[in-house]
Amino acid sequence: MATIVGEAPAAIETRQQATERLFFWSMTVLIALIVFVGFSRTYLLAGLFHAKPLAAPIVHVHAAVFTSWFVLLVIQASLVVSGRTDLHRWLGIAGLVLAPLMVVLGIVVADEVLHRLAKVPGVDAKVIFAAALGQIVGFSLPVFFAFRLRRLPDFHKRLILIGSMALLGAAWGRWPIHFLLHNPLTSALAMFATLMTIVAYDLITLRKVHRATALGVAWVVCVQSAAVAIGPTAAWHNLAAHVPPLI
């Protein structure tokens, strides 16, 4: 009887760990699916949709690096689910290289889009510029702390997911749905809804919101809300008009 009682908590903990690993793996697949649908017509399946060529070589580099991040995200979560945490840690080096590269490329491509679309009728390039920068800033801080806290798995995995979700506004904004397509506000709201899945998971499993979730989600929502709010303002338009081309 003592043996049975002693084993029960361990068995429960194992089931909880398996459920948690499956949830976070599922979230990486969901993120990858959102990105795939969003960019399939213009990049990932461009040939099937007879899409226009990407505007500049730097955009090709940007697309390849960002795609690599989301592929790595799914691979890393799959390794954890399969118990290969040794390979997960080893591949984490690739994430350490990709993350800062994504920040630099994100800023450069946002600048390129700002100047390329500046004179396109009916397109407010400065609003798009604000939204793009908001996503990069939203990504940067959670991912930075995710790597800093990589020895605390409950913090690390939440912050990596939250940082990755911060980039989903661009993907949601390319879904072939009228109210999402090229709409910074509704695509930001769709991204916020995606973030809420982690909040809901914490409330269901922990009966509270994990500190990493609370701080990470608050950061992304605040930054992206600010970007959407200031994008249409005269002050931002005046500031963006003085941003020099980086390439």
Protein backbone atom coordinates (compact mmCIF):
# COMPACT_ATOMS: atom_id res chain seq x y z
CA MET A 1 0.00 0.00 0.00
CA ALA A 2 2.83 2.39 0.89
CA THR A 3 4.42 1.68 -2.49
CA ILE A 4 1.18 2.40 -4.35
CA VAL A 5 0.59 5.64 -2.47
CA GLY A 6 4.18 6.70 -3.06
CA GLU A 7 3.98 6.06 -6.81
CA ALA A 8 0.69 7.88 -7.40
CA PRO A 9 2.06 11.46 -7.24
CA ALA A 10 4.90 10.53 -9.60
CA ALA A 11 2.45 9.04 -12.09
CA ILE A 12 0.27 12.14 -11.91
CA GLU A 13 3.30 14.39 -12.43
CA THR A 14 4.33 12.35 -15.46
CA ARG A 15 0.85 12.71 -17.01
CA GLN A 16 0.92 16.45 -16.34
CA GLN A 17 4.33 16.79 -17.95
CA ALA A 18 3.20 14.82 -21.00
CA THR A 19 0.08 16.96 -21.34
CA GLU A 20 2.11 20.15 -21.04
CA ARG A 21 4.63 19.03 -23.62
CA LEU A 22 1.84 18.10 -26.01
CA PHE A 23 0.16 21.48 -25.53
CA PHE A 24 3.31 23.48 -26.26
CA TRP A 25 4.11 21.27 -29.24
CA SER A 26 0.56 21.84 -30.54
CA MET A 27 1.01 25.59 -30.16
CA THR A 28 4.17 25.54 -32.28
CA VAL A 29 2.28 23.64 -34.98
CA LEU A 30 -0.56 26.19 -34.79
CA ILE A 31 1.92 29.06 -35.15
CA ALA A 32 3.55 27.36 -38.13
CA LEU A 33 0.13 26.79 -39.72
CA ILE A 34 -0.82 30.46 -39.32
CA VAL A 35 2.47 31.47 -40.95
CA PHE A 36 2.07 28.92 -43.74
CA VAL A 37 -1.44 30.09 -44.67
CA GLY A 38 -0.43 33.74 -44.45
CA PHE A 39 2.66 33.50 -46.63
CA SER A 40 1.76 30.60 -48.92
CA ARG A 41 0.41 32.87 -51.68
CA THR A 42 3.30 35.31 -51.72
CA TYR A 43 6.31 33.17 -50.73
CA LEU A 44 6.01 29.56 -49.60
CA LEU A 45 3.84 28.42 -52.55
CA ALA A 46 4.43 31.44 -54.76
CA GLY A 47 4.78 29.35 -57.92
CA LEU A 48 1.34 27.76 -57.49
CA PHE A 49 -0.31 31.15 -57.05
CA HIS A 50 1.74 32.91 -59.77
CA ALA A 51 2.83 35.50 -57.22
CA LYS A 52 4.94 38.49 -58.10
CA PRO A 53 8.66 38.14 -57.37
CA LEU A 54 9.78 39.45 -53.99
CA ALA A 55 10.68 43.11 -54.17
CA ALA A 56 14.37 42.99 -53.23
CA PRO A 57 17.14 40.50 -52.37
CA ILE A 58 17.00 41.53 -48.71
CA VAL A 59 13.35 40.45 -48.61
CA HIS A 60 14.40 36.98 -49.80
CA VAL A 61 16.95 36.78 -46.98
CA HIS A 62 14.38 38.04 -44.46
CA ALA A 63 11.82 35.48 -45.60
CA ALA A 64 14.29 32.60 -45.43
CA VAL A 65 15.54 33.50 -41.95
CA PHE A 66 12.07 34.03 -40.49
CA THR A 67 10.83 30.77 -42.05
CA SER A 68 13.82 29.00 -40.51
CA TRP A 69 12.81 30.32 -37.08
CA PHE A 70 9.31 28.85 -37.30
CA VAL A 71 10.60 25.54 -38.64
CA LEU A 72 13.12 25.40 -35.79
CA LEU A 73 10.32 26.18 -33.33
CA VAL A 74 8.37 23.08 -34.37
CA ILE A 75 11.49 20.90 -34.44
CA GLN A 76 12.54 22.01 -30.95
CA ALA A 77 9.11 21.31 -29.48
CA SER A 78 9.03 17.93 -31.24
CA LEU A 79 12.38 17.02 -29.71
CA VAL A 80 11.07 17.81 -26.23
CA VAL A 81 7.93 15.72 -26.79
CA SER A 82 10.07 12.79 -27.97
CA GLY A 83 12.36 13.11 -24.95
CA ARG A 84 15.42 14.27 -26.89
CA THR A 85 16.18 17.27 -24.71
CA ASP A 86 19.88 16.77 -25.42
CA LEU A 87 19.34 17.55 -29.11
CA HIS A 88 16.94 20.32 -28.12
CA ARG A 89 19.68 22.06 -26.16
CA TRP A 90 22.20 21.56 -28.94
CA LEU A 91 19.86 23.03 -31.59
CA GLY A 92 19.18 25.95 -29.29
CA ILE A 93 22.45 27.41 -30.58
CA ALA A 94 20.73 27.90 -33.95
CA GLY A 95 18.01 29.89 -32.20
CA LEU A 96 20.63 32.07 -30.53
CA VAL A 97 21.99 32.91 -33.98
CA LEU A 98 18.64 33.38 -35.71
CA ALA A 99 16.98 35.62 -33.11
CA PRO A 100 19.31 38.66 -33.34
CA LEU A 101 19.52 38.22 -37.10
CA MET A 102 15.72 38.38 -37.26
CA VAL A 103 15.68 41.65 -35.32
CA VAL A 104 18.20 43.26 -37.68
CA LEU A 105 16.48 41.94 -40.81
CA GLY A 106 13.07 42.90 -39.47
CA ILE A 107 14.15 46.52 -39.05
CA VAL A 108 15.91 46.66 -42.43
CA VAL A 109 12.95 45.17 -44.31
CA ALA A 110 10.47 47.39 -42.48
CA ASP A 111 12.55 50.35 -43.68
CA GLU A 112 12.66 48.95 -47.22
CA VAL A 113 8.87 48.55 -47.27
CA LEU A 114 8.39 52.06 -45.92
CA HIS A 115 10.31 53.60 -48.81
CA ARG A 116 9.10 51.20 -51.49
CA LEU A 117 5.42 51.77 -50.73
CA ALA A 118 5.70 55.46 -49.90
CA LYS A 119 4.26 56.58 -53.23
CA VAL A 120 1.84 53.72 -53.86
CA PRO A 121 -1.72 55.11 -54.07
CA GLY A 122 -4.08 53.94 -51.35
CA VAL A 123 -1.32 52.44 -49.19
CA ASP A 124 -0.21 54.11 -45.96
CA ALA A 125 3.36 52.86 -45.76
CA LYS A 126 3.96 54.65 -42.48
CA VAL A 127 1.19 52.70 -40.74
CA ILE A 128 2.69 49.45 -42.05
CA PHE A 129 6.11 50.61 -40.85
CA ALA A 130 4.77 51.19 -37.32
CA ALA A 131 3.09 47.78 -37.21
CA ALA A 132 6.24 46.02 -38.47
CA LEU A 133 8.46 47.70 -35.89
CA GLY A 134 5.92 46.88 -33.17
CA GLN A 135 6.14 43.20 -34.04
CA ILE A 136 9.94 43.20 -33.97
CA VAL A 137 10.01 44.97 -30.60
CA GLY A 138 7.32 42.60 -29.31
CA PHE A 139 9.44 39.63 -30.39
CA SER A 140 12.76 40.87 -29.07
CA LEU A 141 12.27 41.15 -25.31
CA PRO A 142 10.42 37.86 -24.62
CA VAL A 143 12.90 35.90 -26.74
CA PHE A 144 15.87 37.62 -25.09
CA PHE A 145 14.62 36.57 -21.66
CA ALA A 146 13.67 33.13 -22.95
CA PHE A 147 17.33 32.49 -23.72
CA ARG A 148 18.46 34.09 -20.47
CA LEU A 149 16.06 31.82 -18.53
CA ARG A 150 16.61 28.67 -20.59
CA ARG A 151 17.44 26.70 -17.42
CA LEU A 152 13.89 27.41 -16.19
CA PRO A 153 11.80 25.41 -18.68
CA ASP A 154 8.41 26.80 -17.59
CA PHE A 155 9.65 30.36 -18.27
CA HIS A 156 11.67 29.47 -21.36
CA LYS A 157 8.95 27.73 -23.35
CA ARG A 158 6.29 30.33 -22.57
CA LEU A 159 8.51 33.25 -23.54
CA ILE A 160 9.68 31.58 -26.76
CA LEU A 161 6.07 30.99 -27.79
CA ILE A 162 4.97 34.50 -26.84
CA GLY A 163 7.86 36.09 -28.72
CA SER A 164 7.08 33.98 -31.79
CA MET A 165 3.40 34.90 -31.59
CA ALA A 166 4.36 38.58 -31.56
CA LEU A 167 5.36 38.13 -35.21
CA LEU A 168 2.03 36.68 -36.28
CA GLY A 169 0.44 40.01 -37.14
CA ALA A 170 2.25 39.93 -40.49
CA ALA A 171 0.99 36.40 -41.18
CA TRP A 172 -2.60 37.08 -40.08
CA GLY A 173 -2.56 40.23 -42.23
CA ARG A 174 -1.95 38.11 -45.33
CA TRP A 175 -4.71 35.56 -44.78
CA PRO A 176 -7.11 35.66 -47.75
CA ILE A 177 -9.97 36.87 -45.55
CA HIS A 178 -11.40 40.32 -46.19
CA PHE A 179 -11.35 41.68 -42.65
CA LEU A 180 -7.78 40.45 -42.04
CA LEU A 181 -6.05 41.11 -45.35
CA HIS A 182 -3.65 44.09 -45.11
CA ASN A 183 -5.46 45.39 -42.01
CA PRO A 184 -3.00 46.14 -39.16
CA LEU A 185 -5.76 46.49 -36.56
CA THR A 186 -7.63 43.24 -37.17
CA SER A 187 -4.43 41.26 -37.73
CA ALA A 188 -3.14 42.58 -34.38
CA LEU A 189 -6.41 41.51 -32.74
CA ALA A 190 -6.05 38.05 -34.28
CA MET A 191 -2.53 37.87 -32.86
CA PHE A 192 -3.84 38.90 -29.43
CA ALA A 193 -6.42 36.11 -29.63
CA THR A 194 -3.60 33.64 -30.36
CA LEU A 195 -1.74 34.87 -27.28
CA MET A 196 -4.81 34.23 -25.14
CA THR A 197 -4.48 30.48 -25.70
CA ILE A 198 -1.44 30.44 -23.39
CA VAL A 199 -3.30 32.50 -20.79
CA ALA A 200 -6.23 30.07 -20.98
CA TYR A 201 -3.90 27.08 -20.64
CA ASP A 202 -2.31 28.53 -17.51
CA LEU A 203 -5.69 29.27 -15.94
CA ILE A 204 -6.92 25.74 -16.63
CA THR A 205 -3.80 23.87 -15.52
CA LEU A 206 -2.25 26.17 -12.90
CA ARG A 207 -5.38 27.98 -11.70
CA LYS A 208 -3.41 31.19 -12.25
CA VAL A 209 -1.48 32.96 -14.99
CA HIS A 210 2.21 32.08 -14.96
CA ARG A 211 4.49 35.09 -14.38
CA ALA A 212 6.22 34.59 -17.73
CA THR A 213 2.86 34.49 -19.50
CA ALA A 214 1.53 37.57 -17.71
CA LEU A 215 4.62 39.69 -18.36
CA GLY A 216 5.23 38.42 -21.88
CA VAL A 217 1.64 38.82 -23.07
CA ALA A 218 1.35 42.25 -21.43
CA TRP A 219 4.52 43.37 -23.21
CA VAL A 220 3.40 42.19 -26.65
CA VAL A 221 -0.12 43.59 -26.29
CA CYS A 222 1.14 46.98 -25.07
CA VAL A 223 3.80 47.32 -27.76
CA GLN A 224 1.56 46.24 -30.62
CA SER A 225 -1.37 48.34 -29.38
CA ALA A 226 0.93 51.36 -29.23
CA ALA A 227 2.16 50.66 -32.76
CA VAL A 228 -1.40 50.43 -34.12
CA ALA A 229 -2.41 53.58 -32.22
CA ILE A 230 0.49 55.79 -33.29
CA GLY A 231 0.70 54.52 -36.88
CA PRO A 232 -2.02 56.81 -38.29
CA THR A 233 -0.99 59.91 -36.29
CA ALA A 234 0.50 63.03 -37.84
CA ALA A 235 3.42 62.92 -35.41
CA TRP A 236 4.39 59.41 -36.53
CA HIS A 237 3.98 60.30 -40.20
CA ASN A 238 6.27 63.28 -39.72
CA LEU A 239 8.85 61.13 -37.90
CA ALA A 240 8.71 58.33 -40.47
CA ALA A 241 9.15 60.84 -43.28
CA HIS A 242 12.64 61.53 -41.95
CA VAL A 243 13.71 57.88 -41.68
CA PRO A 244 16.57 57.33 -44.17
CA PRO A 245 16.76 54.24 -46.38
CA LEU A 246 19.04 51.60 -44.85
CA ILE A 247 19.76 49.78 -48.11
